[in-house]
Protein backbone atom coordinates (compact mmCIF):
# COMPACT_ATOMS: atom_id res chain seq x y z
CA MET A 1 92.18 126.01 77.80
CA ASN A 2 93.97 129.27 77.02
CA ASN A 3 93.63 131.43 73.91
CA GLY A 4 95.98 134.15 75.07
CA GLU A 5 93.26 136.58 76.14
CA TYR A 6 91.09 134.33 78.33
CA ASN A 7 92.35 131.65 80.67
CA SER A 8 89.07 129.76 80.81
CA CYS A 9 85.61 129.46 79.36
CA SER A 10 84.24 130.88 82.62
CA GLU A 11 86.44 133.96 82.27
CA TRP A 12 85.25 134.50 78.70
CA ILE A 13 81.60 134.22 79.82
CA ASP A 14 82.18 136.79 82.55
CA ALA A 15 83.57 139.15 79.91
CA GLN A 16 80.53 138.61 77.66
CA GLU A 17 78.14 139.43 80.50
CA MET A 18 80.08 142.61 81.29
CA ARG A 19 79.53 143.65 77.67
CA GLY A 20 75.79 142.91 77.88
CA ARG A 21 76.00 139.77 75.75
CA TYR A 22 73.92 136.95 77.17
CA PHE A 23 73.74 134.38 74.36
CA PHE A 24 76.32 132.20 72.69
CA THR A 25 76.71 128.92 70.86
CA LYS A 26 79.16 126.08 71.15
CA GLU A 27 80.64 127.25 67.86
CA ASP A 28 81.34 130.67 69.39
CA VAL A 29 83.32 129.05 72.19
CA GLN A 30 85.22 126.84 69.77
CA LYS A 31 86.34 129.91 67.86
CA ILE A 32 87.63 131.50 71.05
CA PHE A 33 89.46 128.35 72.15
CA PRO A 34 90.48 126.64 68.89
CA ASP A 35 93.28 124.68 70.57
CA ALA A 36 91.09 123.11 73.24
CA LYS A 37 91.70 119.35 73.30
CA GLY A 38 89.18 116.52 73.16
CA HIS A 39 86.03 117.08 75.15
CA SER A 40 87.46 119.82 77.34
CA LEU A 41 84.98 122.40 76.02
CA GLU A 42 82.02 120.08 76.59
CA VAL A 43 83.24 119.37 80.12
CA ALA A 44 83.75 123.06 80.88
CA LEU A 45 80.31 124.01 79.56
CA SER A 46 78.67 121.12 81.39
CA ARG A 47 80.21 122.26 84.67
CA LEU A 48 78.99 125.81 84.09
CA VAL A 49 75.47 124.50 83.46
CA SER A 50 75.64 122.40 86.64
CA SER A 51 76.75 125.42 88.64
CA LYS A 52 73.85 127.45 87.14
CA ARG A 53 76.24 129.99 85.61
CA ILE A 54 74.76 129.25 82.19
CA MET A 55 71.77 127.29 80.94
CA SER A 56 71.16 125.45 77.67
CA PRO A 57 67.51 125.37 76.55
CA TRP A 58 68.61 123.80 73.24
CA LYS A 59 71.61 121.75 72.21
CA ASN A 60 74.65 123.98 71.47
CA PHE A 61 72.72 127.15 72.41
CA TYR A 62 73.54 128.77 75.76
CA VAL A 63 72.16 131.59 77.89
CA ILE A 64 74.24 133.35 80.52
CA VAL A 65 72.39 133.42 83.84
CA SER A 66 72.67 137.01 85.03
CA MET A 67 72.77 137.94 88.71
CA GLU A 68 69.01 138.62 88.96
CA TYR A 69 68.27 135.01 87.95
CA ARG A 70 71.26 133.36 89.64
CA LEU A 71 69.35 132.09 92.71
CA ARG A 72 66.75 130.36 90.53
CA GLY A 73 69.34 129.20 88.04
CA VAL A 74 66.75 129.54 85.29
CA VAL A 75 66.23 132.45 82.90
CA PRO A 76 62.61 133.11 81.83
CA GLU A 77 61.76 132.14 78.27
CA HIS A 78 60.90 135.65 77.10
CA PHE A 79 64.52 136.66 77.76
CA TYR A 80 66.02 134.35 75.13
CA ILE A 81 63.26 132.97 72.87
CA ASP A 82 63.94 135.44 70.04
CA GLN A 83 67.65 134.56 70.01
CA LEU A 84 66.85 130.85 70.18
CA MET A 85 64.53 131.06 67.19
CA ARG A 86 67.20 132.97 65.27
CA PHE A 87 69.64 130.20 66.16
CA LEU A 88 67.11 127.67 64.79
CA SER A 89 66.44 129.86 61.71
CA ARG A 90 62.68 129.78 62.27
CA ASN A 91 59.95 132.35 61.92
CA TYR A 92 57.95 132.37 65.14
CA TYR A 93 55.65 134.16 67.50
CA VAL A 94 54.71 133.84 71.15
CA SER A 95 51.14 132.58 71.28
CA LEU A 96 48.16 131.25 73.24
CA LEU A 97 48.26 131.78 77.02
CA SER A 98 51.76 133.29 76.84
CA ALA A 99 50.58 135.95 74.38
CA ALA A 100 47.33 136.52 76.27
CA ALA A 101 49.30 137.28 79.45
CA LEU A 102 51.36 139.86 77.56
CA HIS A 103 48.11 141.47 76.34
CA GLY A 104 46.77 141.87 79.85
CA ALA A 105 45.12 138.54 80.65
CA SER A 106 47.51 138.27 83.56
CA HIS A 107 45.36 135.82 85.54
CA GLN A 108 45.79 133.27 82.77
CA GLN A 109 49.55 132.81 82.93
CA SER A 110 50.70 129.27 82.36
CA MET A 111 53.70 127.21 83.43
CA THR A 112 54.07 126.37 79.74
CA TYR A 113 55.51 128.87 77.27
CA PHE A 114 53.73 128.59 73.91
CA VAL A 115 55.50 129.37 70.64
CA MET A 116 54.23 128.99 67.07
CA ALA A 117 57.04 128.18 64.63
CA ASP A 118 57.26 127.41 60.92
CA GLY A 119 59.15 124.59 59.25
CA ALA A 120 59.44 121.01 60.45
CA PRO A 121 58.03 120.24 63.93
CA LEU A 122 60.33 121.13 66.83
CA ARG A 123 60.57 118.99 69.93
CA ASN A 124 59.15 120.56 73.07
CA VAL A 125 61.61 121.67 75.74
CA ARG A 126 61.32 119.97 79.10
CA LYS A 127 64.16 120.94 81.41
CA LYS A 128 64.30 121.98 85.04
CA GLY A 129 62.31 125.21 85.32
CA THR A 130 61.75 125.39 81.54
CA LYS A 131 58.72 124.16 79.63
CA ILE A 132 58.31 125.34 76.02
CA ASP A 133 55.66 123.95 73.69
CA PHE A 134 56.35 124.49 70.00
CA ILE A 135 53.33 124.37 67.70
CA GLN A 136 53.91 124.00 63.98
CA LYS A 137 52.35 126.74 61.87
CA ASN A 138 53.69 127.36 58.39
CA ASP A 139 51.38 130.24 57.47
CA ILE A 140 52.67 132.83 59.92
CA ALA A 141 51.02 136.19 59.26
CA SER A 142 53.96 138.48 60.02
CA ASP A 143 51.83 141.56 59.39
CA CYS A 144 49.57 140.50 62.28
CA LEU A 145 52.37 140.20 64.81
CA GLN A 146 53.41 142.74 67.39
CA GLN A 147 56.84 143.29 68.85
CA GLU A 148 57.15 143.45 72.61
CA LYS A 149 60.29 144.90 74.18
CA THR A 150 62.19 142.73 76.66
CA GLN A 151 65.39 143.14 78.70
CA SER A 152 67.39 141.55 75.90
CA GLY A 153 65.63 142.82 72.77
CA TYR A 154 62.22 142.15 71.27
CA LEU A 155 59.67 139.35 71.00
CA ASN A 156 57.29 138.51 68.17
CA VAL A 157 53.83 138.20 69.73
CA SER A 158 50.46 137.47 68.13
CA SER A 159 48.05 140.40 68.06
CA PRO A 160 45.09 140.18 70.46
CA LEU A 161 42.74 139.05 67.66
CA MET A 162 45.21 136.48 66.39
CA THR A 163 45.70 135.27 69.98
CA ALA A 164 41.93 134.82 70.36
CA LEU A 165 41.68 132.82 67.13
CA ASP A 166 44.67 130.66 68.05
CA LEU A 167 43.17 129.94 71.47
CA VAL A 168 39.95 128.67 69.91
CA GLN A 169 41.78 126.62 67.28
CA GLN A 170 44.22 125.12 69.79
CA GLU A 171 41.79 124.79 72.71
CA ARG A 172 43.03 121.32 73.63
CA LYS A 173 46.52 122.71 74.25
CA VAL A 174 45.28 125.20 76.86
CA GLY A 175 42.78 123.12 78.82
CA GLY A 176 39.58 123.13 76.78
CA MET A 177 36.84 125.53 75.73
CA SER A 178 35.95 126.64 79.25
CA ARG A 179 39.54 127.76 79.81
CA VAL A 180 39.48 129.53 76.44
CA ALA A 181 36.33 131.40 77.51
CA GLU A 182 38.07 132.51 80.73
CA VAL A 183 40.99 133.91 78.76
CA LEU A 184 38.80 135.60 76.17
CA TYR A 185 36.83 137.30 78.93
CA GLU A 186 40.02 139.13 79.96
CA LEU A 187 41.47 139.48 76.46
CA MET A 188 38.56 140.99 74.53
CA ASP A 189 38.97 144.46 76.02
CA VAL A 190 42.07 144.91 73.84
CA VAL A 191 40.76 143.18 70.70
CA THR A 192 39.90 145.50 67.83
CA LEU A 193 38.04 144.57 64.66
CA ASP A 194 37.83 146.56 61.45
CA ASP A 195 38.13 146.01 57.69
CA LYS A 196 41.87 145.38 58.09
CA SER A 197 41.05 142.31 60.20
CA LEU A 198 39.55 140.38 57.29
CA PRO A 199 42.87 139.10 55.81
CA LEU A 200 43.72 137.61 59.20
CA LEU A 201 40.30 135.98 59.50
CA ARG A 202 40.80 134.38 56.08
CA ARG A 203 43.92 132.61 57.38
CA PHE A 204 41.80 130.57 59.79
CA PRO A 205 39.17 127.92 59.10
CA VAL A 206 35.70 129.47 59.10
CA ALA A 207 34.69 126.97 61.80
CA VAL A 208 37.22 128.58 64.18
CA ILE A 209 35.67 132.00 63.58
CA GLN A 210 32.18 130.60 64.18
CA ARG A 211 33.28 129.10 67.51
CA LEU A 212 34.91 132.38 68.52
CA GLY A 213 31.73 134.28 67.68
CA TYR A 214 29.61 131.87 69.67
CA ILE A 215 31.84 132.18 72.75
CA LEU A 216 31.82 135.99 72.49
CA SER A 217 28.01 135.95 72.43
CA LEU A 218 27.99 133.57 75.39
CA LEU A 219 30.24 136.00 77.29
CA GLU A 220 27.89 138.86 76.29
CA TYR A 221 30.53 140.67 74.28
CA GLU A 222 27.84 141.51 71.77
CA PRO A 223 29.43 144.62 70.19
CA VAL A 224 32.57 142.62 69.29
CA ALA A 225 30.49 139.62 68.23
CA ASP A 226 28.38 141.89 65.98
CA GLU A 227 31.51 143.34 64.37
CA LEU A 228 32.92 139.87 63.79
CA TYR A 229 29.66 138.67 62.26
CA ALA A 230 29.46 141.71 59.96
CA LEU A 231 33.05 141.21 58.82
CA CYS A 232 32.34 137.60 57.95
CA ARG A 233 29.22 138.48 56.00
CA ASN A 234 30.86 141.37 54.15
CA GLY A 235 33.89 139.23 53.41
CA GLY A 236 31.84 136.41 51.96
CA LEU A 237 32.76 133.85 54.64
CA LYS A 238 30.12 131.11 54.54
CA PHE A 239 28.94 129.48 57.76
CA ARG A 240 28.06 125.78 57.87
CA LYS A 241 26.96 123.80 60.87
CA THR A 242 30.02 123.00 62.94
CA ALA A 243 30.59 121.44 66.34
CA LEU A 244 31.72 123.70 69.17
CA LYS A 245 34.30 121.09 70.16
CA ALA A 246 35.69 119.34 67.11
CA SER A 247 36.93 116.29 69.03
CA ALA A 248 33.63 115.65 70.85
CA PRO A 249 30.76 113.61 69.36
CA VAL A 250 27.73 115.27 67.83
CA GLU A 251 24.36 113.72 68.59
CA GLU A 252 20.93 114.30 67.15
CA GLY A 253 18.93 116.88 69.05
CA MET A 254 21.88 118.91 70.31
CA PRO A 255 21.14 122.67 70.36
CA VAL A 256 22.40 124.75 67.44
CA ASP A 257 23.17 128.46 67.73
CA GLU A 258 21.09 130.06 64.98
CA ARG A 259 23.44 132.94 64.25
CA TRP A 260 26.83 131.21 64.35
CA LYS A 261 25.56 127.76 63.25
CA VAL A 262 27.50 126.16 66.09
CA ILE A 263 26.31 122.79 67.38
CA VAL A 264 26.67 123.04 71.16
CA ASN A 265 28.19 119.61 71.84
CA LYS A 266 30.24 120.88 74.79
CA GLU A 267 29.06 122.84 77.82
CA ILE A 268 31.16 125.93 78.55
CA ASP A 269 31.31 126.78 82.24
CA ILE A 270 31.11 130.56 82.63
CA ASP A 271 29.80 130.63 86.22
CA GLU A 272 33.25 131.43 87.60
CA ILE A 273 33.99 134.16 85.05
C-alpha cells in the first residue's frame, strides 16, 4: 500500500494528526491509495481500530484517537458529532441530558449522548465506550440553537428553554418525570423567557408547555412559571385538560392543577431535589 508519499495508511493518519485533522472517511483513504488491492484498505483500517489508533462510530467514518484519549481508546462524542452529522448530511442538535449538562446541569450527565436529527430515523450507536441515541425531529428550529465551542470546532446545542421543552416531551427517554424535574431544578437558572420565546413555544404541543409549567410550579420556580403562563395567554395558546404523563392511565377523581389544567396521574418525587 504505497502511493509514493505515504508507505502505509498508518503513516498517512499520523500525518493528518500532525496537521490537526482528526476525521476522515473510507473514500478519503481510497483517494490516497488508489492502487490498493482487494480488501487491503479494510484490513488496514480494521487493524488500526483494533489497536485503538482510530475509531469508527459510523460505517466509513473514522476519528483519529489523539494522545489524550489513547489510553481509553474512545473519543468523547462532543469531539466528533458535528463532523459525523455533516458526513450524514443531517441537521442536528445536541439535546436532552447532554444539552442540560452543557448548560450547567452537571449533576445530570448521562452515559447516553442524545442528538436530535432530521430526515429518516438513524440507528442508535452502541459500540464499546460509545452510546449515542438519535431522536428524529424534522422541525429543527435553527434560530433556537446555540453553538458551543469544542476542541475540534463547534456543536449545535438546544437553548436552555428548548432543552427544557424537549426534556418534558421526551421524558421516557431520560428516566421519567421525576428525573426531568431534577434536571429542570438545575437548568432553570439559565432559562430566559420573553416575547421572542413565543415562536419556539409554538413549535411544541401545548400539552408539553402545560406539563412544563406544572413542574415549574411544583419546583417553586414561580417567576418563570408566571412568565410562561403570561406568554401562553398573550400568544393565544389554549389549555385543555391533559395528563401529566401521557403514557399513564387517567382515572376519575385524579387531582387537576387549576392553572395549568394538568391531570396529576403521576407522582413526581421532589424530596431529593
